[in-house]
Amino acid sequence: LVFWRDRRSETKFAREQTEQRMLWAAEIFALFESFAEFHTDAMPAVT
């Protein structure tokens, strides 16, 4: 799930171009995490 700001005026293909970079960003971050642990407990706990 990606929260695209405007689903009607942007083509699916154009969104998919950006989604590939999203996949690669997560893949690069996962590689860094294989060497070190980043903090994960700082997200605000809101009701």
All heavy atoms as atom14 arrays in JSON, in Angstrom:
{
  "sequence": "LVFWRDRRSETKFAREQTEQRMLWAAEIFALFESFAEFHTDAMPAVT",
  "atom14_mask": [
    [1, 1, 1, 1, 1, 1, 1, 1, 0, 0, 0, 0, 0, 0],
    [1, 1, 1, 1, 1, 1, 1, 0, 0, 0, 0, 0, 0, 0],
    [1, 1, 1, 1, 1, 1, 1, 1, 1, 1, 1, 0, 0, 0],
    [1, 1, 1, 1, 1, 1, 1, 1, 1, 1, 1, 1, 1, 1],
    [1, 1, 1, 1, 1, 1, 1, 1, 1, 1, 1, 0, 0, 0],
    [1, 1, 1, 1, 1, 1, 1, 1, 0, 0, 0, 0, 0, 0],
    [1, 1, 1, 1, 1, 1, 1, 1, 1, 1, 1, 0, 0, 0],
    [1, 1, 1, 1, 1, 1, 1, 1, 1, 1, 1, 0, 0, 0],
    [1, 1, 1, 1, 1, 1, 0, 0, 0, 0, 0, 0, 0, 0],
    [1, 1, 1, 1, 1, 1, 1, 1, 1, 0, 0, 0, 0, 0],
    [1, 1, 1, 1, 1, 1, 1, 0, 0, 0, 0, 0, 0, 0],
    [1, 1, 1, 1, 1, 1, 1, 1, 1, 0, 0, 0, 0, 0],
    [1, 1, 1, 1, 1, 1, 1, 1, 1, 1, 1, 0, 0, 0],
    [1, 1, 1, 1, 1, 0, 0, 0, 0, 0, 0, 0, 0, 0],
    [1, 1, 1, 1, 1, 1, 1, 1, 1, 1, 1, 0, 0, 0],
    [1, 1, 1, 1, 1, 1, 1, 1, 1, 0, 0, 0, 0, 0],
    [1, 1, 1, 1, 1, 1, 1, 1, 1, 0, 0, 0, 0, 0],
    [1, 1, 1, 1, 1, 1, 1, 0, 0, 0, 0, 0, 0, 0],
    [1, 1, 1, 1, 1, 1, 1, 1, 1, 0, 0, 0, 0, 0],
    [1, 1, 1, 1, 1, 1, 1, 1, 1, 0, 0, 0, 0, 0],
    [1, 1, 1, 1, 1, 1, 1, 1, 1, 1, 1, 0, 0, 0],
    [1, 1, 1, 1, 1, 1, 1, 1, 0, 0, 0, 0, 0, 0],
    [1, 1, 1, 1, 1, 1, 1, 1, 0, 0, 0, 0, 0, 0],
    [1, 1, 1, 1, 1, 1, 1, 1, 1, 1, 1, 1, 1, 1],
    [1, 1, 1, 1, 1, 0, 0, 0, 0, 0, 0, 0, 0, 0],
    [1, 1, 1, 1, 1, 0, 0, 0, 0, 0, 0, 0, 0, 0],
    [1, 1, 1, 1, 1, 1, 1, 1, 1, 0, 0, 0, 0, 0],
    [1, 1, 1, 1, 1, 1, 1, 1, 0, 0, 0, 0, 0, 0],
    [1, 1, 1, 1, 1, 1, 1, 1, 1, 1, 1, 0, 0, 0],
    [1, 1, 1, 1, 1, 0, 0, 0, 0, 0, 0, 0, 0, 0],
    [1, 1, 1, 1, 1, 1, 1, 1, 0, 0, 0, 0, 0, 0],
    [1, 1, 1, 1, 1, 1, 1, 1, 1, 1, 1, 0, 0, 0],
    [1, 1, 1, 1, 1, 1, 1, 1, 1, 0, 0, 0, 0, 0],
    [1, 1, 1, 1, 1, 1, 0, 0, 0, 0, 0, 0, 0, 0],
    [1, 1, 1, 1, 1, 1, 1, 1, 1, 1, 1, 0, 0, 0],
    [1, 1, 1, 1, 1, 0, 0, 0, 0, 0, 0, 0, 0, 0],
    [1, 1, 1, 1, 1, 1, 1, 1, 1, 0, 0, 0, 0, 0],
    [1, 1, 1, 1, 1, 1, 1, 1, 1, 1, 1, 0, 0, 0],
    [1, 1, 1, 1, 1, 1, 1, 1, 1, 1, 0, 0, 0, 0],
    [1, 1, 1, 1, 1, 1, 1, 0, 0, 0, 0, 0, 0, 0],
    [1, 1, 1, 1, 1, 1, 1, 1, 0, 0, 0, 0, 0, 0],
    [1, 1, 1, 1, 1, 0, 0, 0, 0, 0, 0, 0, 0, 0],
    [1, 1, 1, 1, 1, 1, 1, 1, 0, 0, 0, 0, 0, 0],
    [1, 1, 1, 1, 1, 1, 1, 0, 0, 0, 0, 0, 0, 0],
    [1, 1, 1, 1, 1, 0, 0, 0, 0, 0, 0, 0, 0, 0],
    [1, 1, 1, 1, 1, 1, 1, 0, 0, 0, 0, 0, 0, 0],
    [1, 1, 1, 1, 1, 1, 1, 0, 0, 0, 0, 0, 0, 0]
  ],
  "atom14_positions": [
    [[0.82, -1.2, 0.0], [0.0, 0.0, 0.0], [0.86, 1.25, 0.0], [1.73, 1.43, 0.85], [-0.92, 0.01, 1.23], [-1.76, 1.27, 1.44], [-2.68, 1.5, 0.26], [-2.56, 1.15, 2.74], [0.0, 0.0, 0.0], [0.0, 0.0, 0.0], [0.0, 0.0, 0.0], [0.0, 0.0, 0.0], [0.0, 0.0, 0.0], [0.0, 0.0, 0.0]],
    [[0.62, 2.12, -0.97], [1.25, 3.44, -1.03], [0.13, 4.47, -1.06], [-0.81, 4.36, -1.84], [2.14, 3.6, -2.29], [2.76, 4.98, -2.32], [3.21, 2.51, -2.33], [0.0, 0.0, 0.0], [0.0, 0.0, 0.0], [0.0, 0.0, 0.0], [0.0, 0.0, 0.0], [0.0, 0.0, 0.0], [0.0, 0.0, 0.0], [0.0, 0.0, 0.0]],
    [[0.23, 5.48, -0.2], [-0.78, 6.54, -0.18], [-0.42, 7.6, -1.21], [0.26, 8.58, -0.9], [-0.89, 7.16, 1.21], [-1.57, 6.26, 2.21], [-0.82, 5.45, 3.04], [-2.95, 6.23, 2.3], [-1.43, 4.62, 3.96], [-3.57, 5.38, 3.22], [-2.81, 4.59, 4.06], [0.0, 0.0, 0.0], [0.0, 0.0, 0.0], [0.0, 0.0, 0.0]],
    [[-0.86, 7.39, -2.45], [-0.61, 8.37, -3.5], [-1.56, 9.55, -3.31], [-2.75, 9.36, -3.04], [-0.81, 7.76, -4.88], [0.18, 6.69, -5.19], [-0.03, 5.34, -5.18], [1.55, 6.87, -5.55], [1.12, 4.68, -5.52], [2.1, 5.58, -5.75], [2.36, 7.99, -5.73], [3.43, 5.39, -6.13], [3.68, 7.79, -6.11], [4.21, 6.52, -6.3]],
    [[-1.04, 10.76, -3.46], [-1.83, 11.96, -3.23], [-3.0, 12.06, -4.19], [-4.1, 12.42, -3.81], [-0.92, 13.19, -3.36], [-1.45, 14.44, -2.72], [-1.33, 14.37, -1.21], [0.01, 14.04, -0.75], [0.98, 14.94, -0.55], [0.75, 16.21, -0.76], [2.15, 14.56, -0.1], [0.0, 0.0, 0.0], [0.0, 0.0, 0.0], [0.0, 0.0, 0.0]],
    [[-2.78, 11.76, -5.45], [-3.84, 11.87, -6.45], [-3.81, 10.65, -7.35], [-2.93, 10.52, -8.21], [-3.68, 13.15, -7.26], [-4.9, 13.46, -8.11], [-5.7, 12.54, -8.36], [-5.06, 14.63, -8.51], [0.0, 0.0, 0.0], [0.0, 0.0, 0.0], [0.0, 0.0, 0.0], [0.0, 0.0, 0.0], [0.0, 0.0, 0.0], [0.0, 0.0, 0.0]],
    [[-4.76, 9.74, -7.16], [-4.77, 8.5, -7.94], [-5.4, 8.68, -9.31], [-5.18, 7.89, -10.22], [-5.53, 7.41, -7.18], [-4.81, 6.91, -5.94], [-5.59, 5.8, -5.26], [-4.84, 5.26, -4.14], [-3.92, 4.31, -4.25], [-3.65, 3.79, -5.42], [-3.27, 3.87, -3.18], [0.0, 0.0, 0.0], [0.0, 0.0, 0.0], [0.0, 0.0, 0.0]],
    [[-6.21, 9.7, -9.47], [-6.97, 9.85, -10.72], [-6.14, 10.46, -11.85], [-6.28, 10.08, -13.0], [-8.21, 10.69, -10.47], [-9.26, 10.0, -9.62], [-10.42, 10.92, -9.31], [-10.01, 12.11, -8.58], [-10.81, 13.11, -8.26], [-12.07, 13.09, -8.64], [-10.36, 14.14, -7.58], [0.0, 0.0, 0.0], [0.0, 0.0, 0.0], [0.0, 0.0, 0.0]],
    [[-5.28, 11.44, -11.52], [-4.61, 12.18, -12.58], [-3.24, 11.61, -12.94], [-2.67, 11.98, -13.95], [-4.44, 13.65, -12.16], [-3.66, 13.75, -10.99], [0.0, 0.0, 0.0], [0.0, 0.0, 0.0], [0.0, 0.0, 0.0], [0.0, 0.0, 0.0], [0.0, 0.0, 0.0], [0.0, 0.0, 0.0], [0.0, 0.0, 0.0], [0.0, 0.0, 0.0]],
    [[-2.71, 10.7, -12.12], [-1.4, 10.1, -12.41], [-1.59, 8.68, -12.93], [-2.44, 7.94, -12.43], [-0.55, 10.09, -11.14], [0.85, 9.51, -11.32], [1.73, 10.35, -12.23], [1.35, 10.54, -13.4], [2.78, 10.81, -11.78], [0.0, 0.0, 0.0], [0.0, 0.0, 0.0], [0.0, 0.0, 0.0], [0.0, 0.0, 0.0], [0.0, 0.0, 0.0]],
    [[-0.82, 8.29, -13.94], [-0.97, 6.97, -14.52], [-0.34, 5.92, -13.61], [0.59, 6.19, -12.85], [-0.31, 6.9, -15.89], [1.12, 7.05, -15.74], [-0.85, 7.98, -16.82], [0.0, 0.0, 0.0], [0.0, 0.0, 0.0], [0.0, 0.0, 0.0], [0.0, 0.0, 0.0], [0.0, 0.0, 0.0], [0.0, 0.0, 0.0], [0.0, 0.0, 0.0]],
    [[-0.84, 4.71, -13.72], [-0.3, 3.59, -12.95], [1.17, 3.36, -13.32], [2.01, 3.08, -12.46], [-1.12, 2.33, -13.23], [-0.68, 1.1, -12.46], [-1.64, -0.05, -12.73], [-1.24, -1.3, -11.94], [0.01, -1.89, -12.46], [0.0, 0.0, 0.0], [0.0, 0.0, 0.0], [0.0, 0.0, 0.0], [0.0, 0.0, 0.0], [0.0, 0.0, 0.0]],
    [[1.5, 3.48, -14.6], [2.86, 3.25, -15.04], [3.82, 4.28, -14.43], [4.93, 3.93, -14.01], [2.95, 3.31, -16.57], [4.27, 2.85, -17.13], [4.61, 1.52, -17.12], [5.16, 3.77, -17.66], [5.84, 1.09, -17.62], [6.39, 3.36, -18.17], [6.72, 2.02, -18.16], [0.0, 0.0, 0.0], [0.0, 0.0, 0.0], [0.0, 0.0, 0.0]],
    [[3.39, 5.54, -14.34], [4.23, 6.57, -13.75], [4.46, 6.31, -12.26], [5.55, 6.52, -11.74], [3.6, 7.95, -13.95], [0.0, 0.0, 0.0], [0.0, 0.0, 0.0], [0.0, 0.0, 0.0], [0.0, 0.0, 0.0], [0.0, 0.0, 0.0], [0.0, 0.0, 0.0], [0.0, 0.0, 0.0], [0.0, 0.0, 0.0], [0.0, 0.0, 0.0]],
    [[3.42, 5.83, -11.58], [3.58, 5.49, -10.17], [4.54, 4.32, -10.0], [5.36, 4.29, -9.08], [2.23, 5.17, -9.53], [1.27, 6.35, -9.46], [0.15, 6.09, -8.46], [-0.62, 4.91, -8.78], [-1.75, 4.91, -9.51], [-2.21, 6.05, -9.99], [-2.4, 3.79, -9.74], [0.0, 0.0, 0.0], [0.0, 0.0, 0.0], [0.0, 0.0, 0.0]],
    [[4.44, 3.36, -10.9], [5.31, 2.19, -10.8], [6.78, 2.55, -11.0], [7.67, 1.9, -10.44], [4.89, 1.13, -11.83], [3.59, 0.43, -11.47], [3.13, -0.53, -12.54], [3.62, -0.41, -13.69], [2.28, -1.39, -12.24], [0.0, 0.0, 0.0], [0.0, 0.0, 0.0], [0.0, 0.0, 0.0], [0.0, 0.0, 0.0], [0.0, 0.0, 0.0]],
    [[7.06, 3.58, -11.79], [8.44, 4.04, -11.95], [9.03, 4.43, -10.59], [10.18, 4.1, -10.28], [8.5, 5.25, -12.9], [8.35, 4.89, -14.35], [8.52, 6.12, -15.23], [7.55, 6.79, -15.58], [9.74, 6.44, -15.56], [0.0, 0.0, 0.0], [0.0, 0.0, 0.0], [0.0, 0.0, 0.0], [0.0, 0.0, 0.0], [0.0, 0.0, 0.0]],
    [[8.24, 5.15, -9.8], [8.71, 5.57, -8.49], [8.75, 4.4, -7.52], [9.65, 4.32, -6.66], [7.79, 6.67, -7.94], [7.77, 7.76, -8.86], [8.27, 7.18, -6.59], [0.0, 0.0, 0.0], [0.0, 0.0, 0.0], [0.0, 0.0, 0.0], [0.0, 0.0, 0.0], [0.0, 0.0, 0.0], [0.0, 0.0, 0.0], [0.0, 0.0, 0.0]],
    [[7.82, 3.47, -7.64], [7.77, 2.34, -6.73], [9.03, 1.48, -6.8], [9.43, 0.87, -5.8], [6.53, 1.48, -7.01], [5.24, 2.14, -6.54], [4.01, 1.33, -6.9], [4.16, 0.25, -7.53], [2.89, 1.76, -6.56], [0.0, 0.0, 0.0], [0.0, 0.0, 0.0], [0.0, 0.0, 0.0], [0.0, 0.0, 0.0], [0.0, 0.0, 0.0]],
    [[9.67, 1.46, -7.97], [10.92, 0.68, -8.06], [11.99, 1.28, -7.15], [12.74, 0.56, -6.5], [11.4, 0.62, -9.51], [10.38, 0.1, -10.51], [9.6, -1.09, -10.01], [10.17, -2.08, -9.54], [8.28, -1.01, -10.1], [0.0, 0.0, 0.0], [0.0, 0.0, 0.0], [0.0, 0.0, 0.0], [0.0, 0.0, 0.0], [0.0, 0.0, 0.0]],
    [[12.04, 2.62, -7.1], [13.01, 3.26, -6.21], [12.67, 2.98, -4.75], [13.56, 2.88, -3.9], [13.04, 4.77, -6.45], [13.96, 5.23, -7.56], [13.33, 5.15, -8.91], [14.26, 5.5, -9.99], [13.89, 5.59, -11.26], [12.64, 5.36, -11.62], [14.8, 5.89, -12.18], [0.0, 0.0, 0.0], [0.0, 0.0, 0.0], [0.0, 0.0, 0.0]],
    [[11.39, 2.86, -4.44], [10.99, 2.51, -3.08], [11.54, 1.13, -2.71], [12.07, 0.92, -1.61], [9.47, 2.5, -2.97], [8.78, 3.82, -3.23], [6.99, 3.62, -3.05], [6.41, 5.18, -3.73], [0.0, 0.0, 0.0], [0.0, 0.0, 0.0], [0.0, 0.0, 0.0], [0.0, 0.0, 0.0], [0.0, 0.0, 0.0], [0.0, 0.0, 0.0]],
    [[11.39, 0.17, -3.63], [11.91, -1.17, -3.38], [13.41, -1.14, -3.16], [13.94, -1.8, -2.25], [11.58, -2.09, -4.56], [10.12, -2.52, -4.72], [9.94, -3.25, -6.05], [9.68, -3.4, -3.57], [0.0, 0.0, 0.0], [0.0, 0.0, 0.0], [0.0, 0.0, 0.0], [0.0, 0.0, 0.0], [0.0, 0.0, 0.0], [0.0, 0.0, 0.0]],
    [[14.11, -0.37, -3.98], [15.57, -0.32, -3.85], [16.0, 0.36, -2.56], [16.98, -0.04, -1.93], [16.17, 0.39, -5.06], [15.9, -0.31, -6.36], [15.62, -1.65, -6.52], [15.87, 0.27, -7.66], [15.41, -1.93, -7.85], [15.56, -0.78, -8.59], [16.06, 1.55, -8.17], [15.45, -0.56, -9.95], [15.95, 1.77, -9.53], [15.65, 0.72, -10.41]],
    [[15.26, 1.39, -2.14], [15.59, 2.07, -0.88], [15.47, 1.09, 0.28], [16.35, 1.04, 1.17], [14.66, 3.26, -0.66], [0.0, 0.0, 0.0], [0.0, 0.0, 0.0], [0.0, 0.0, 0.0], [0.0, 0.0, 0.0], [0.0, 0.0, 0.0], [0.0, 0.0, 0.0], [0.0, 0.0, 0.0], [0.0, 0.0, 0.0], [0.0, 0.0, 0.0]],
    [[14.42, 0.31, 0.3], [14.24, -0.68, 1.37], [15.33, -1.75, 1.31], [15.82, -2.21, 2.35], [12.86, -1.32, 1.26], [0.0, 0.0, 0.0], [0.0, 0.0, 0.0], [0.0, 0.0, 0.0], [0.0, 0.0, 0.0], [0.0, 0.0, 0.0], [0.0, 0.0, 0.0], [0.0, 0.0, 0.0], [0.0, 0.0, 0.0], [0.0, 0.0, 0.0]],
    [[15.72, -2.11, 0.1], [16.76, -3.14, -0.06], [18.11, -2.64, 0.42], [18.86, -3.37, 1.08], [16.82, -3.56, -1.53], [17.47, -4.88, -1.77], [17.26, -5.41, -3.18], [16.3, -4.98, -3.85], [18.06, -6.26, -3.61], [0.0, 0.0, 0.0], [0.0, 0.0, 0.0], [0.0, 0.0, 0.0], [0.0, 0.0, 0.0], [0.0, 0.0, 0.0]],
    [[18.42, -1.39, 0.11], [19.68, -0.8, 0.58], [19.68, -0.69, 2.1], [20.67, -1.02, 2.77], [19.92, 0.58, -0.07], [20.16, 0.42, -1.57], [21.09, 1.29, 0.58], [20.14, 1.74, -2.33], [0.0, 0.0, 0.0], [0.0, 0.0, 0.0], [0.0, 0.0, 0.0], [0.0, 0.0, 0.0], [0.0, 0.0, 0.0], [0.0, 0.0, 0.0]],
    [[18.57, -0.23, 2.65], [18.49, -0.09, 4.1], [18.64, -1.45, 4.77], [19.32, -1.58, 5.8], [17.16, 0.55, 4.5], [17.14, 1.05, 5.91], [17.49, 2.35, 6.21], [16.77, 0.21, 6.95], [17.49, 2.81, 7.52], [16.75, 0.66, 8.25], [17.12, 1.96, 8.54], [0.0, 0.0, 0.0], [0.0, 0.0, 0.0], [0.0, 0.0, 0.0]],
    [[18.01, -2.47, 4.21], [18.13, -3.82, 4.78], [19.58, -4.3, 4.75], [20.04, -4.98, 5.68], [17.24, -4.79, 4.01], [0.0, 0.0, 0.0], [0.0, 0.0, 0.0], [0.0, 0.0, 0.0], [0.0, 0.0, 0.0], [0.0, 0.0, 0.0], [0.0, 0.0, 0.0], [0.0, 0.0, 0.0], [0.0, 0.0, 0.0], [0.0, 0.0, 0.0]],
    [[20.32, -3.93, 3.7], [21.73, -4.29, 3.64], [22.5, -3.62, 4.77], [23.32, -4.25, 5.44], [22.31, -3.89, 2.29], [23.81, -4.18, 2.09], [24.07, -5.67, 2.16], [24.29, -3.61, 0.76], [0.0, 0.0, 0.0], [0.0, 0.0, 0.0], [0.0, 0.0, 0.0], [0.0, 0.0, 0.0], [0.0, 0.0, 0.0], [0.0, 0.0, 0.0]],
    [[22.23, -2.33, 5.01], [22.89, -1.64, 6.12], [22.53, -2.3, 7.44], [23.37, -2.43, 8.34], [22.47, -0.17, 6.15], [22.97, 0.65, 4.99], [22.4, 1.88, 4.69], [24.01, 0.21, 4.19], [22.86, 2.64, 3.63], [24.48, 0.97, 3.12], [23.9, 2.19, 2.85], [0.0, 0.0, 0.0], [0.0, 0.0, 0.0], [0.0, 0.0, 0.0]],
    [[21.28, -2.71, 7.58], [20.86, -3.36, 8.83], [21.53, -4.7, 9.04], [21.58, -5.19, 10.18], [19.33, -3.55, 8.83], [18.55, -2.31, 9.2], [17.09, -2.62, 9.45], [16.48, -3.33, 8.63], [16.55, -2.13, 10.46], [0.0, 0.0, 0.0], [0.0, 0.0, 0.0], [0.0, 0.0, 0.0], [0.0, 0.0, 0.0], [0.0, 0.0, 0.0]],
    [[22.03, -5.31, 8.0], [22.75, -6.57, 8.18], [24.09, -6.36, 8.86], [24.7, -7.3, 9.38], [22.96, -7.26, 6.82], [23.88, -6.54, 6.01], [0.0, 0.0, 0.0], [0.0, 0.0, 0.0], [0.0, 0.0, 0.0], [0.0, 0.0, 0.0], [0.0, 0.0, 0.0], [0.0, 0.0, 0.0], [0.0, 0.0, 0.0], [0.0, 0.0, 0.0]],
    [[24.57, -5.1, 8.89], [25.81, -4.76, 9.56], [25.59, -4.1, 10.92], [26.47, -4.12, 11.77], [26.65, -3.8, 8.7], [27.15, -4.41, 7.42], [26.6, -4.05, 6.21], [28.16, -5.36, 7.44], [27.06, -4.61, 5.02], [28.63, -5.92, 6.27], [28.08, -5.55, 5.04], [0.0, 0.0, 0.0], [0.0, 0.0, 0.0], [0.0, 0.0, 0.0]],
    [[24.45, -3.46, 11.1], [24.23, -2.7, 12.33], [22.75, -2.6, 12.62], [21.92, -2.82, 11.75], [24.82, -1.31, 12.2], [0.0, 0.0, 0.0], [0.0, 0.0, 0.0], [0.0, 0.0, 0.0], [0.0, 0.0, 0.0], [0.0, 0.0, 0.0], [0.0, 0.0, 0.0], [0.0, 0.0, 0.0], [0.0, 0.0, 0.0], [0.0, 0.0, 0.0]],
    [[22.45, -2.25, 13.86], [21.06, -2.14, 14.27], [20.69, -0.68, 14.45], [21.29, 0.04, 15.23], [20.84, -2.89, 15.58], [19.39, -2.89, 16.03], [19.18, -3.73, 17.28], [20.15, -4.39, 17.7], [18.08, -3.71, 17.83], [0.0, 0.0, 0.0], [0.0, 0.0, 0.0], [0.0, 0.0, 0.0], [0.0, 0.0, 0.0], [0.0, 0.0, 0.0]],
    [[19.68, -0.25, 13.72], [19.16, 1.11, 13.85], [18.09, 1.12, 14.93], [17.44, 0.12, 15.18], [18.55, 1.58, 12.53], [19.52, 1.75, 11.41], [20.04, 0.66, 10.74], [19.92, 3.01, 11.0], [20.93, 0.81, 9.69], [20.81, 3.18, 9.96], [21.32, 2.08, 9.3], [0.0, 0.0, 0.0], [0.0, 0.0, 0.0], [0.0, 0.0, 0.0]],
    [[17.87, 2.28, 15.53], [16.83, 2.36, 16.54], [15.46, 2.2, 15.89], [15.22, 2.68, 14.79], [16.9, 3.67, 17.33], [16.51, 4.89, 16.57], [17.21, 5.37, 15.5], [15.46, 5.74, 16.74], [16.63, 6.46, 15.03], [15.56, 6.7, 15.76], [0.0, 0.0, 0.0], [0.0, 0.0, 0.0], [0.0, 0.0, 0.0], [0.0, 0.0, 0.0]],
    [[14.56, 1.49, 16.58], [13.24, 1.21, 16.02], [12.11, 1.53, 16.99], [10.95, 1.32, 16.67], [13.12, -0.28, 15.62], [13.36, -1.08, 16.79], [14.11, -0.65, 14.54], [0.0, 0.0, 0.0], [0.0, 0.0, 0.0], [0.0, 0.0, 0.0], [0.0, 0.0, 0.0], [0.0, 0.0, 0.0], [0.0, 0.0, 0.0], [0.0, 0.0, 0.0]],
    [[12.45, 2.02, 18.18], [11.44, 2.17, 19.22], [11.06, 3.63, 19.49], [10.54, 3.96, 20.55], [11.94, 1.53, 20.53], [13.27, 2.13, 20.99], [13.86, 2.93, 20.22], [13.71, 1.79, 22.1], [0.0, 0.0, 0.0], [0.0, 0.0, 0.0], [0.0, 0.0, 0.0], [0.0, 0.0, 0.0], [0.0, 0.0, 0.0], [0.0, 0.0, 0.0]],
    [[11.33, 4.51, 18.53], [11.12, 5.94, 18.78], [9.83, 6.49, 18.18], [9.55, 7.67, 18.34], [12.31, 6.73, 18.25], [0.0, 0.0, 0.0], [0.0, 0.0, 0.0], [0.0, 0.0, 0.0], [0.0, 0.0, 0.0], [0.0, 0.0, 0.0], [0.0, 0.0, 0.0], [0.0, 0.0, 0.0], [0.0, 0.0, 0.0], [0.0, 0.0, 0.0]],
    [[9.06, 5.66, 17.49], [7.83, 6.16, 16.88], [6.84, 6.59, 17.96], [6.63, 5.87, 18.93], [7.2, 5.07, 16.02], [6.0, 5.53, 15.22], [6.42, 6.72, 13.93], [7.24, 5.65, 12.75], [0.0, 0.0, 0.0], [0.0, 0.0, 0.0], [0.0, 0.0, 0.0], [0.0, 0.0, 0.0], [0.0, 0.0, 0.0], [0.0, 0.0, 0.0]],
    [[6.25, 7.78, 17.84], [5.3, 8.25, 18.86], [4.15, 7.27, 19.05], [3.58, 6.76, 18.08], [4.8, 9.58, 18.29], [5.86, 10.02, 17.34], [6.45, 8.76, 16.76], [0.0, 0.0, 0.0], [0.0, 0.0, 0.0], [0.0, 0.0, 0.0], [0.0, 0.0, 0.0], [0.0, 0.0, 0.0], [0.0, 0.0, 0.0], [0.0, 0.0, 0.0]],
    [[3.83, 7.01, 20.3], [2.71, 6.13, 20.62], [1.48, 6.99, 20.84], [1.28, 7.55, 21.91], [3.03, 5.31, 21.87], [0.0, 0.0, 0.0], [0.0, 0.0, 0.0], [0.0, 0.0, 0.0], [0.0, 0.0, 0.0], [0.0, 0.0, 0.0], [0.0, 0.0, 0.0], [0.0, 0.0, 0.0], [0.0, 0.0, 0.0], [0.0, 0.0, 0.0]],
    [[0.69, 7.14, 19.8], [-0.49, 8.0, 19.88], [-1.75, 7.15, 19.92], [-1.79, 6.03, 19.41], [-0.57, 8.98, 18.68], [0.62, 9.92, 18.69], [-0.64, 8.22, 17.36], [0.0, 0.0, 0.0], [0.0, 0.0, 0.0], [0.0, 0.0, 0.0], [0.0, 0.0, 0.0], [0.0, 0.0, 0.0], [0.0, 0.0, 0.0], [0.0, 0.0, 0.0]],
    [[-2.77, 7.68, 20.57], [-4.06, 7.0, 20.64], [-4.98, 7.61, 19.6], [-5.32, 8.79, 19.67], [-4.68, 7.17, 22.04], [-3.77, 6.67, 23.01], [-5.99, 6.4, 22.14], [0.0, 0.0, 0.0], [0.0, 0.0, 0.0], [0.0, 0.0, 0.0], [0.0, 0.0, 0.0], [0.0, 0.0, 0.0], [0.0, 0.0, 0.0], [0.0, 0.0, 0.0]]
  ]
}
